[in-house]
Each structure stands twice: as structure tokens, then as C-alpha cells.
Amino acid sequence: MPHMRVGPLVRATSTDTVILWAELSEHCDVQIHIMSDDLSENATISISTTTVQVVERYYIAPQIQGLKSSTWYTYTLTPSLDDQN
């Protein structure tokens, strides 16, 4: 089962986007769920991405769009084996 080796880390931000970075133990799909801590807004952003291999390491660095400025967010990353392994 794949697991996080390093991260996740917030690598870059703008007023409505963020780039999350992580290194994983093997090639896999990663589900990312981002929830606003603003109780008046019940919005969740969900994306799926696949690791990229660089030499013998596996990384993700997706850009998440559609965020609101001055808002706290909580996120979870869930790796799972894909069909290519």
C-alpha cells in the first residue's frame, strides 16, 4: 500500500489557488479533498491526481483552484494503488 514519504506541504499560494506537494512510496492515484473551515459555506473541492516518477521517486504537485481568499482550509490526501501497477 502506498504511503506518504514526505509531506504534504503547501508549496505555493495565490488569492484563489494553492499547490500541494508530496512524495509517495510508490506509483499511485491520490484523492485530495479540501474543506473550507467557514461554517457559512458548505463547499468541498475534490480532485484526483497520479504520481509522477522522477528517477526512483514518486511525487504529486497539483494546483487546486477555486479557493476563497482569507479563508482557512483543511485538506486530506488519500493514496491508493492504480490499475497500472
C-alpha atoms as a PDB file:
ATOM      1  CA  MET A   1       0.000   0.000   0.000  1.00  0.00           C
ATOM      2  CA  PRO A   2       1.421   3.416  -0.903  1.00  0.00           C
ATOM      3  CA  HIS A   3       2.189   5.879   1.865  1.00  0.00           C
ATOM      4  CA  MET A   4       3.479   9.429   2.222  1.00  0.00           C
ATOM      5  CA  ARG A   5       7.259   9.642   2.471  1.00  0.00           C
ATOM      6  CA  VAL A   6       7.411  13.451   2.702  1.00  0.00           C
ATOM      7  CA  GLY A   7       4.597  15.954   3.005  1.00  0.00           C
ATOM      8  CA  PRO A   8       2.068  17.005   2.147  1.00  0.00           C
ATOM      9  CA  LEU A   9       3.414  20.541   2.029  1.00  0.00           C
ATOM     10  CA  VAL A  10       1.868  23.772   0.774  1.00  0.00           C
ATOM     11  CA  ARG A  11       4.367  24.865  -1.886  1.00  0.00           C
ATOM     12  CA  ALA A  12       2.776  27.985  -3.369  1.00  0.00           C
ATOM     13  CA  THR A  13      -0.319  30.092  -2.876  1.00  0.00           C
ATOM     14  CA  SER A  14      -2.181  32.920  -4.556  1.00  0.00           C
ATOM     15  CA  THR A  15      -5.516  34.537  -3.713  1.00  0.00           C
ATOM     16  CA  ASP A  16      -7.516  31.601  -5.114  1.00  0.00           C
ATOM     17  CA  THR A  17      -5.055  28.734  -5.752  1.00  0.00           C
ATOM     18  CA  VAL A  18      -2.636  26.511  -3.868  1.00  0.00           C
ATOM     19  CA  ILE A  19      -0.079  23.908  -4.914  1.00  0.00           C
ATOM     20  CA  LEU A  20       0.266  20.906  -2.621  1.00  0.00           C
ATOM     21  CA  TRP A  21       3.431  18.792  -2.856  1.00  0.00           C
ATOM     22  CA  ALA A  22       4.130  15.307  -1.535  1.00  0.00           C
ATOM     23  CA  GLU A  23       6.467  12.386  -2.097  1.00  0.00           C
ATOM     24  CA  LEU A  24       4.930   8.918  -2.008  1.00  0.00           C
ATOM     25  CA  SER A  25       6.421   5.460  -1.620  1.00  0.00           C
ATOM     26  CA  GLU A  26       5.228   4.128  -4.991  1.00  0.00           C
ATOM     27  CA  HIS A  27       3.289   4.990  -8.125  1.00  0.00           C
ATOM     28  CA  CYS A  28      -0.373   5.551  -7.211  1.00  0.00           C
ATOM     29  CA  ASP A  29      -3.505   7.656  -7.564  1.00  0.00           C
ATOM     30  CA  VAL A  30      -4.128  10.293  -4.910  1.00  0.00           C
ATOM     31  CA  GLN A  31      -7.531  11.679  -3.929  1.00  0.00           C
ATOM     32  CA  ILE A  32      -7.426  15.187  -2.452  1.00  0.00           C
ATOM     33  CA  HIS A  33     -10.355  16.639  -0.503  1.00  0.00           C
ATOM     34  CA  ILE A  34     -10.272  20.287   0.583  1.00  0.00           C
ATOM     35  CA  MET A  35     -12.860  21.597   3.042  1.00  0.00           C
ATOM     36  CA  SER A  36     -13.484  25.205   3.996  1.00  0.00           C
ATOM     37  CA  ASP A  37     -13.456  25.961   7.715  1.00  0.00           C
ATOM     38  CA  ASP A  38     -16.023  28.710   7.003  1.00  0.00           C
ATOM     39  CA  LEU A  39     -19.215  27.300   8.546  1.00  0.00           C
ATOM     40  CA  SER A  40     -21.417  29.507   6.361  1.00  0.00           C
ATOM     41  CA  GLU A  41     -20.017  27.793   3.254  1.00  0.00           C
ATOM     42  CA  ASN A  42     -20.508  24.060   2.817  1.00  0.00           C
ATOM     43  CA  ALA A  43     -18.080  23.594  -0.069  1.00  0.00           C
ATOM     44  CA  THR A  44     -15.679  20.744  -0.636  1.00  0.00           C
ATOM     45  CA  ILE A  45     -13.217  20.627  -3.513  1.00  0.00           C
ATOM     46  CA  SER A  46     -12.197  17.140  -4.601  1.00  0.00           C
ATOM     47  CA  ILE A  47      -9.572  16.262  -7.179  1.00  0.00           C
ATOM     48  CA  SER A  48      -7.708  13.166  -8.257  1.00  0.00           C
ATOM     49  CA  THR A  49      -4.111  13.072  -9.440  1.00  0.00           C
ATOM     50  CA  THR A  50      -1.475  10.469 -10.255  1.00  0.00           C
ATOM     51  CA  THR A  51       2.128  10.432  -9.087  1.00  0.00           C
ATOM     52  CA  VAL A  52       4.936  11.380 -11.444  1.00  0.00           C
ATOM     53  CA  GLN A  53       8.131   9.347 -11.303  1.00  0.00           C
ATOM     54  CA  VAL A  54      11.462  11.187 -11.164  1.00  0.00           C
ATOM     55  CA  VAL A  55      14.339   8.685 -11.124  1.00  0.00           C
ATOM     56  CA  GLU A  56      13.225   6.305  -8.339  1.00  0.00           C
ATOM     57  CA  ARG A  57      10.904   8.736  -6.505  1.00  0.00           C
ATOM     58  CA  TYR A  58       7.164   9.436  -6.878  1.00  0.00           C
ATOM     59  CA  TYR A  59       5.694  12.928  -6.489  1.00  0.00           C
ATOM     60  CA  ILE A  60       2.493  14.910  -6.787  1.00  0.00           C
ATOM     61  CA  ALA A  61       2.194  18.697  -7.077  1.00  0.00           C
ATOM     62  CA  PRO A  62      -1.366  19.506  -8.167  1.00  0.00           C
ATOM     63  CA  GLN A  63      -2.660  23.047  -8.387  1.00  0.00           C
ATOM     64  CA  ILE A  64      -6.006  23.452  -6.609  1.00  0.00           C
ATOM     65  CA  GLN A  65      -8.159  26.309  -7.873  1.00  0.00           C
ATOM     66  CA  GLY A  66     -11.372  27.928  -6.716  1.00  0.00           C
ATOM     67  CA  LEU A  67     -10.358  28.845  -3.165  1.00  0.00           C
ATOM     68  CA  LYS A  68     -11.557  31.985  -1.361  1.00  0.00           C
ATOM     69  CA  SER A  69      -9.015  34.459  -0.019  1.00  0.00           C
ATOM     70  CA  SER A  70      -8.785  34.971   3.751  1.00  0.00           C
ATOM     71  CA  THR A  71     -10.321  31.530   4.389  1.00  0.00           C
ATOM     72  CA  TRP A  72      -8.847  28.592   6.311  1.00  0.00           C
ATOM     73  CA  TYR A  73      -8.974  25.187   4.641  1.00  0.00           C
ATOM     74  CA  THR A  74      -8.432  21.633   5.833  1.00  0.00           C
ATOM     75  CA  TYR A  75      -7.240  19.023   3.361  1.00  0.00           C
ATOM     76  CA  THR A  76      -6.741  15.274   3.237  1.00  0.00           C
ATOM     77  CA  LEU A  77      -4.731  13.203   0.787  1.00  0.00           C
ATOM     78  CA  THR A  78      -5.605   9.548   0.294  1.00  0.00           C
ATOM     79  CA  PRO A  79      -3.244   7.439  -1.827  1.00  0.00           C
ATOM     80  CA  SER A  80      -4.457   4.251  -3.481  1.00  0.00           C
ATOM     81  CA  LEU A  81      -2.930   1.826  -5.939  1.00  0.00           C
ATOM     82  CA  ASP A  82      -3.882   2.494  -9.529  1.00  0.00           C
ATOM     83  CA  ASP A  83      -4.533  -0.045 -12.293  1.00  0.00           C
ATOM     84  CA  GLN A  84      -1.042   0.359 -13.830  1.00  0.00           C
ATOM     85  CA  ASN A  85       0.862  -1.417 -11.021  1.00  0.00           C
END
